[in-house]
Amino acid sequence: MSFEGIVQIAQEDNTVEVNKMLDQGWELLAITPNEAAPIYTVGRRAQKKAPMEGFVLGEHAKQG
């Protein structure tokens, strides 16, 4: 597993919240044992831009 591209890390002990985060695209990075409950470390990668996002035709292409 590579942590390259992880832009945000969070720790959570509530499994319901962890599952919500995983559904939103977060990744499980580690599980650490704790006396009360395991601590889940999750990470979020940067959102990728659509390949054509921000693309604008140049004036030479608009004339025709």
PDB file of N, CA and C in Angstrom:
ATOM      1  N   MET A   1       0.853  -1.178   0.000  1.00  0.00           N
ATOM      2  CA  MET A   1       0.000   0.000   0.000  1.00  0.00           C
ATOM      3  C   MET A   1       0.893   1.234   0.000  1.00  0.00           C
ATOM      4  N   SER A   2       0.559   2.170  -0.833  1.00  0.00           N
ATOM      5  CA  SER A   2       1.324   3.403  -0.920  1.00  0.00           C
ATOM      6  C   SER A   2       0.525   4.548  -0.291  1.00  0.00           C
ATOM      7  N   PHE A   3       1.223   5.362   0.488  1.00  0.00           N
ATOM      8  CA  PHE A   3       0.574   6.530   1.080  1.00  0.00           C
ATOM      9  C   PHE A   3       0.781   7.765   0.219  1.00  0.00           C
ATOM     10  N   GLU A   4       1.401   7.588  -0.933  1.00  0.00           N
ATOM     11  CA  GLU A   4       1.620   8.715  -1.839  1.00  0.00           C
ATOM     12  C   GLU A   4       0.277   9.255  -2.294  1.00  0.00           C
ATOM     13  N   GLY A   5       0.129  10.550  -2.213  1.00  0.00           N
ATOM     14  CA  GLY A   5      -1.116  11.187  -2.641  1.00  0.00           C
ATOM     15  C   GLY A   5      -2.127  11.373  -1.525  1.00  0.00           C
ATOM     16  N   ILE A   6      -1.849  10.854  -0.332  1.00  0.00           N
ATOM     17  CA  ILE A   6      -2.758  11.058   0.796  1.00  0.00           C
ATOM     18  C   ILE A   6      -2.634  12.515   1.228  1.00  0.00           C
ATOM     19  N   VAL A   7      -3.764  13.228   1.245  1.00  0.00           N
ATOM     20  CA  VAL A   7      -3.728  14.652   1.590  1.00  0.00           C
ATOM     21  C   VAL A   7      -4.362  14.947   2.950  1.00  0.00           C
ATOM     22  N   GLN A   8      -5.062  13.966   3.514  1.00  0.00           N
ATOM     23  CA  GLN A   8      -5.699  14.183   4.807  1.00  0.00           C
ATOM     24  C   GLN A   8      -5.744  12.851   5.549  1.00  0.00           C
ATOM     25  N   ILE A   9      -5.449  12.880   6.832  1.00  0.00           N
ATOM     26  CA  ILE A   9      -5.476  11.691   7.676  1.00  0.00           C
ATOM     27  C   ILE A   9      -6.358  11.985   8.883  1.00  0.00           C
ATOM     28  N   ALA A  10      -7.143  10.984   9.281  1.00  0.00           N
ATOM     29  CA  ALA A  10      -7.999  11.123  10.455  1.00  0.00           C
ATOM     30  C   ALA A  10      -7.956   9.828  11.253  1.00  0.00           C
ATOM     31  N   GLN A  11      -8.200   9.943  12.555  1.00  0.00           N
ATOM     32  CA  GLN A  11      -8.296   8.767  13.418  1.00  0.00           C
ATOM     33  C   GLN A  11      -9.689   8.742  14.019  1.00  0.00           C
ATOM     34  N   GLU A  12     -10.258   7.566  14.060  1.00  0.00           N
ATOM     35  CA  GLU A  12     -11.641   7.422  14.509  1.00  0.00           C
ATOM     36  C   GLU A  12     -11.768   6.109  15.277  1.00  0.00           C
ATOM     37  N   ASP A  13     -12.603   6.100  16.330  1.00  0.00           N
ATOM     38  CA  ASP A  13     -12.844   4.854  17.055  1.00  0.00           C
ATOM     39  C   ASP A  13     -14.273   4.348  16.882  1.00  0.00           C
ATOM     40  N   ASN A  14     -15.075   5.089  16.152  1.00  0.00           N
ATOM     41  CA  ASN A  14     -16.466   4.728  15.916  1.00  0.00           C
ATOM     42  C   ASN A  14     -16.573   4.022  14.566  1.00  0.00           C
ATOM     43  N   THR A  15     -16.925   2.727  14.592  1.00  0.00           N
ATOM     44  CA  THR A  15     -16.955   1.960  13.344  1.00  0.00           C
ATOM     45  C   THR A  15     -18.004   2.461  12.354  1.00  0.00           C
ATOM     46  N   VAL A  16     -19.094   3.014  12.849  1.00  0.00           N
ATOM     47  CA  VAL A  16     -20.123   3.559  11.957  1.00  0.00           C
ATOM     48  C   VAL A  16     -19.541   4.742  11.166  1.00  0.00           C
ATOM     49  N   GLU A  17     -18.831   5.626  11.864  1.00  0.00           N
ATOM     50  CA  GLU A  17     -18.219   6.778  11.209  1.00  0.00           C
ATOM     51  C   GLU A  17     -17.131   6.338  10.226  1.00  0.00           C
ATOM     52  N   VAL A  18     -16.345   5.333  10.621  1.00  0.00           N
ATOM     53  CA  VAL A  18     -15.296   4.824   9.735  1.00  0.00           C
ATOM     54  C   VAL A  18     -15.924   4.279   8.455  1.00  0.00           C
ATOM     55  N   ASN A  19     -16.989   3.516   8.587  1.00  0.00           N
ATOM     56  CA  ASN A  19     -17.643   2.966   7.399  1.00  0.00           C
ATOM     57  C   ASN A  19     -18.213   4.057   6.503  1.00  0.00           C
ATOM     58  N   LYS A  20     -18.741   5.124   7.090  1.00  0.00           N
ATOM     59  CA  LYS A  20     -19.226   6.260   6.292  1.00  0.00           C
ATOM     60  C   LYS A  20     -18.073   6.884   5.509  1.00  0.00           C
ATOM     61  N   MET A  21     -16.943   7.049   6.186  1.00  0.00           N
ATOM     62  CA  MET A  21     -15.778   7.652   5.529  1.00  0.00           C
ATOM     63  C   MET A  21     -15.281   6.757   4.394  1.00  0.00           C
ATOM     64  N   LEU A  22     -15.266   5.450   4.630  1.00  0.00           N
ATOM     65  CA  LEU A  22     -14.834   4.523   3.581  1.00  0.00           C
ATOM     66  C   LEU A  22     -15.779   4.586   2.381  1.00  0.00           C
ATOM     67  N   ASP A  23     -17.076   4.730   2.636  1.00  0.00           N
ATOM     68  CA  ASP A  23     -18.051   4.876   1.546  1.00  0.00           C
ATOM     69  C   ASP A  23     -17.831   6.159   0.754  1.00  0.00           C
ATOM     70  N   GLN A  24     -17.258   7.175   1.398  1.00  0.00           N
ATOM     71  CA  GLN A  24     -17.000   8.460   0.747  1.00  0.00           C
ATOM     72  C   GLN A  24     -15.650   8.481   0.038  1.00  0.00           C
ATOM     73  N   GLY A  25     -14.938   7.345   0.033  1.00  0.00           N
ATOM     74  CA  GLY A  25     -13.685   7.274  -0.697  1.00  0.00           C
ATOM     75  C   GLY A  25     -12.423   7.304   0.149  1.00  0.00           C
ATOM     76  N   TRP A  26     -12.564   7.418   1.453  1.00  0.00           N
ATOM     77  CA  TRP A  26     -11.390   7.355   2.330  1.00  0.00           C
ATOM     78  C   TRP A  26     -10.843   5.938   2.280  1.00  0.00           C
ATOM     79  N   GLU A  27      -9.581   5.767   2.659  1.00  0.00           N
ATOM     80  CA  GLU A  27      -8.934   4.463   2.671  1.00  0.00           C
ATOM     81  C   GLU A  27      -8.483   4.127   4.089  1.00  0.00           C
ATOM     82  N   LEU A  28      -8.633   2.860   4.459  1.00  0.00           N
ATOM     83  CA  LEU A  28      -8.166   2.407   5.766  1.00  0.00           C
ATOM     84  C   LEU A  28      -6.655   2.253   5.706  1.00  0.00           C
ATOM     85  N   LEU A  29      -5.943   2.974   6.572  1.00  0.00           N
ATOM     86  CA  LEU A  29      -4.485   2.950   6.568  1.00  0.00           C
ATOM     87  C   LEU A  29      -3.924   2.060   7.671  1.00  0.00           C
ATOM     88  N   ALA A  30      -4.603   2.041   8.839  1.00  0.00           N
ATOM     89  CA  ALA A  30      -4.089   1.248   9.959  1.00  0.00           C
ATOM     90  C   ALA A  30      -5.180   1.040  10.997  1.00  0.00           C
ATOM     91  N   ILE A  31      -5.013  -0.021  11.767  1.00  0.00           N
ATOM     92  CA  ILE A  31      -5.866  -0.279  12.929  1.00  0.00           C
ATOM     93  C   ILE A  31      -4.925  -0.450  14.113  1.00  0.00           C
ATOM     94  N   THR A  32      -5.117   0.387  15.134  1.00  0.00           N
ATOM     95  CA  THR A  32      -4.250   0.362  16.307  1.00  0.00           C
ATOM     96  C   THR A  32      -5.052  -0.111  17.512  1.00  0.00           C
ATOM     97  N   PRO A  33      -4.578  -1.144  18.206  1.00  0.00           N
ATOM     98  CA  PRO A  33      -5.309  -1.604  19.391  1.00  0.00           C
ATOM     99  C   PRO A  33      -5.308  -0.539  20.488  1.00  0.00           C
ATOM    100  N   ASN A  34      -6.390  -0.499  21.226  1.00  0.00           N
ATOM    101  CA  ASN A  34      -6.545   0.446  22.330  1.00  0.00           C
ATOM    102  C   ASN A  34      -7.350  -0.265  23.416  1.00  0.00           C
ATOM    103  N   GLU A  35      -7.229   0.157  24.660  1.00  0.00           N
ATOM    104  CA  GLU A  35      -7.955  -0.499  25.750  1.00  0.00           C
ATOM    105  C   GLU A  35      -9.464  -0.424  25.557  1.00  0.00           C
ATOM    106  N   ALA A  36      -9.976   0.726  25.152  1.00  0.00           N
ATOM    107  CA  ALA A  36     -11.424   0.906  25.011  1.00  0.00           C
ATOM    108  C   ALA A  36     -11.945   0.337  23.696  1.00  0.00           C
ATOM    109  N   ALA A  37     -11.298   0.680  22.612  1.00  0.00           N
ATOM    110  CA  ALA A  37     -11.738   0.238  21.278  1.00  0.00           C
ATOM    111  C   ALA A  37     -10.587   0.457  20.307  1.00  0.00           C
ATOM    112  N   PRO A  38     -10.555  -0.270  19.212  1.00  0.00           N
ATOM    113  CA  PRO A  38      -9.489  -0.036  18.237  1.00  0.00           C
ATOM    114  C   PRO A  38      -9.587   1.371  17.651  1.00  0.00           C
ATOM    115  N   ILE A  39      -8.452   1.922  17.306  1.00  0.00           N
ATOM    116  CA  ILE A  39      -8.397   3.227  16.646  1.00  0.00           C
ATOM    117  C   ILE A  39      -8.124   2.962  15.170  1.00  0.00           C
ATOM    118  N   TYR A  40      -8.984   3.478  14.327  1.00  0.00           N
ATOM    119  CA  TYR A  40      -8.857   3.318  12.880  1.00  0.00           C
ATOM    120  C   TYR A  40      -8.234   4.582  12.301  1.00  0.00           C
ATOM    121  N   THR A  41      -7.182   4.427  11.554  1.00  0.00           N
ATOM    122  CA  THR A  41      -6.554   5.558  10.863  1.00  0.00           C
ATOM    123  C   THR A  41      -6.948   5.460   9.409  1.00  0.00           C
ATOM    124  N   VAL A  42      -7.573   6.530   8.910  1.00  0.00           N
ATOM    125  CA  VAL A  42      -8.043   6.564   7.523  1.00  0.00           C
ATOM    126  C   VAL A  42      -7.410   7.751   6.818  1.00  0.00           C
ATOM    127  N   GLY A  43      -7.256   7.636   5.520  1.00  0.00           N
ATOM    128  CA  GLY A  43      -6.671   8.708   4.730  1.00  0.00           C
ATOM    129  C   GLY A  43      -7.487   8.988   3.493  1.00  0.00           C
ATOM    130  N   ARG A  44      -7.392  10.215   3.043  1.00  0.00           N
ATOM    131  CA  ARG A  44      -8.121  10.644   1.839  1.00  0.00           C
ATOM    132  C   ARG A  44      -7.107  11.142   0.826  1.00  0.00           C
ATOM    133  N   ARG A  45      -7.257  10.702  -0.392  1.00  0.00           N
ATOM    134  CA  ARG A  45      -6.388  11.160  -1.476  1.00  0.00           C
ATOM    135  C   ARG A  45      -6.979  12.413  -2.110  1.00  0.00           C
ATOM    136  N   ALA A  46      -6.147  13.166  -2.788  1.00  0.00           N
ATOM    137  CA  ALA A  46      -6.622  14.349  -3.501  1.00  0.00           C
ATOM    138  C   ALA A  46      -7.598  13.909  -4.582  1.00  0.00           C
ATOM    139  N   GLN A  47      -8.630  14.695  -4.784  1.00  0.00           N
ATOM    140  CA  GLN A  47      -9.588  14.373  -5.832  1.00  0.00           C
ATOM    141  C   GLN A  47      -8.968  14.657  -7.187  1.00  0.00           C
ATOM    142  N   LYS A  48      -9.135  13.715  -8.091  1.00  0.00           N
ATOM    143  CA  LYS A  48      -8.588  13.882  -9.429  1.00  0.00           C
ATOM    144  C   LYS A  48      -9.505  14.776 -10.249  1.00  0.00           C
ATOM    145  N   LYS A  49      -8.889  15.630 -11.037  1.00  0.00           N
ATOM    146  CA  LYS A  49      -9.664  16.480 -11.934  1.00  0.00           C
ATOM    147  C   LYS A  49     -10.067  15.677 -13.159  1.00  0.00           C
ATOM    148  N   ALA A  50     -11.180  16.049 -13.736  1.00  0.00           N
ATOM    149  CA  ALA A  50     -11.585  15.451 -15.006  1.00  0.00           C
ATOM    150  C   ALA A  50     -10.559  15.876 -16.056  1.00  0.00           C
ATOM    151  N   PRO A  51     -10.210  14.997 -16.985  1.00  0.00           N
ATOM    152  CA  PRO A  51      -9.157  15.315 -17.960  1.00  0.00           C
ATOM    153  C   PRO A  51      -9.415  16.600 -18.755  1.00  0.00           C
ATOM    154  N   MET A  52     -10.653  16.937 -19.004  1.00  0.00           N
ATOM    155  CA  MET A  52     -10.968  18.115 -19.823  1.00  0.00           C
ATOM    156  C   MET A  52     -11.414  19.312 -18.977  1.00  0.00           C
ATOM    157  N   GLU A  53     -11.331  19.200 -17.663  1.00  0.00           N
ATOM    158  CA  GLU A  53     -11.744  20.302 -16.802  1.00  0.00           C
ATOM    159  C   GLU A  53     -10.879  21.534 -17.066  1.00  0.00           C
ATOM    160  N   GLY A  54     -11.510  22.648 -17.283  1.00  0.00           N
ATOM    161  CA  GLY A  54     -10.790  23.890 -17.523  1.00  0.00           C
ATOM    162  C   GLY A  54     -10.349  24.080 -18.966  1.00  0.00           C
ATOM    163  N   PHE A  55     -10.649  23.105 -19.824  1.00  0.00           N
ATOM    164  CA  PHE A  55     -10.237  23.208 -21.218  1.00  0.00           C
ATOM    165  C   PHE A  55     -11.129  24.205 -21.946  1.00  0.00           C
ATOM    166  N   VAL A  56     -10.496  25.091 -22.697  1.00  0.00           N
ATOM    167  CA  VAL A  56     -11.233  26.087 -23.484  1.00  0.00           C
ATOM    168  C   VAL A  56     -10.630  26.095 -24.878  1.00  0.00           C
ATOM    169  N   LEU A  57     -11.481  26.104 -25.887  1.00  0.00           N
ATOM    170  CA  LEU A  57     -10.988  26.184 -27.250  1.00  0.00           C
ATOM    171  C   LEU A  57     -10.326  27.529 -27.488  1.00  0.00           C
ATOM    172  N   GLY A  58      -9.227  27.530 -28.180  1.00  0.00           N
ATOM    173  CA  GLY A  58      -8.556  28.772 -28.536  1.00  0.00           C
ATOM    174  C   GLY A  58      -9.334  29.510 -29.613  1.00  0.00           C
ATOM    175  N   GLU A  59      -9.053  30.798 -29.756  1.00  0.00           N
ATOM    176  CA  GLU A  59      -9.766  31.622 -30.739  1.00  0.00           C
ATOM    177  C   GLU A  59      -9.609  31.081 -32.155  1.00  0.00           C
ATOM    178  N   HIS A  60      -8.423  30.538 -32.482  1.00  0.00           N
ATOM    179  CA  HIS A  60      -8.206  30.006 -33.830  1.00  0.00           C
ATOM    180  C   HIS A  60      -9.130  28.839 -34.126  1.00  0.00           C
ATOM    181  N   ALA A  61      -9.553  28.082 -33.118  1.00  0.00           N
ATOM    182  CA  ALA A  61     -10.446  26.944 -33.327  1.00  0.00           C
ATOM    183  C   ALA A  61     -11.903  27.395 -33.404  1.00  0.00           C
ATOM    184  N   LYS A  62     -12.207  28.555 -32.794  1.00  0.00           N
ATOM    185  CA  LYS A  62     -13.581  29.036 -32.799  1.00  0.00           C
ATOM    186  C   LYS A  62     -13.941  29.682 -34.129  1.00  0.00           C
ATOM    187  N   GLN A  63     -12.944  30.211 -34.799  1.00  0.00           N
ATOM    188  CA  GLN A  63     -13.203  30.865 -36.104  1.00  0.00           C
ATOM    189  C   GLN A  63     -13.313  29.792 -37.173  1.00  0.00           C
ATOM    190  N   GLY A  64     -14.227  29.930 -38.032  1.00  0.00           N
ATOM    191  CA  GLY A  64     -14.276  28.896 -39.049  1.00  0.00           C
ATOM    192  C   GLY A  64     -15.249  29.080 -40.082  1.00  0.00           C
TER     193      GLY A  64
END
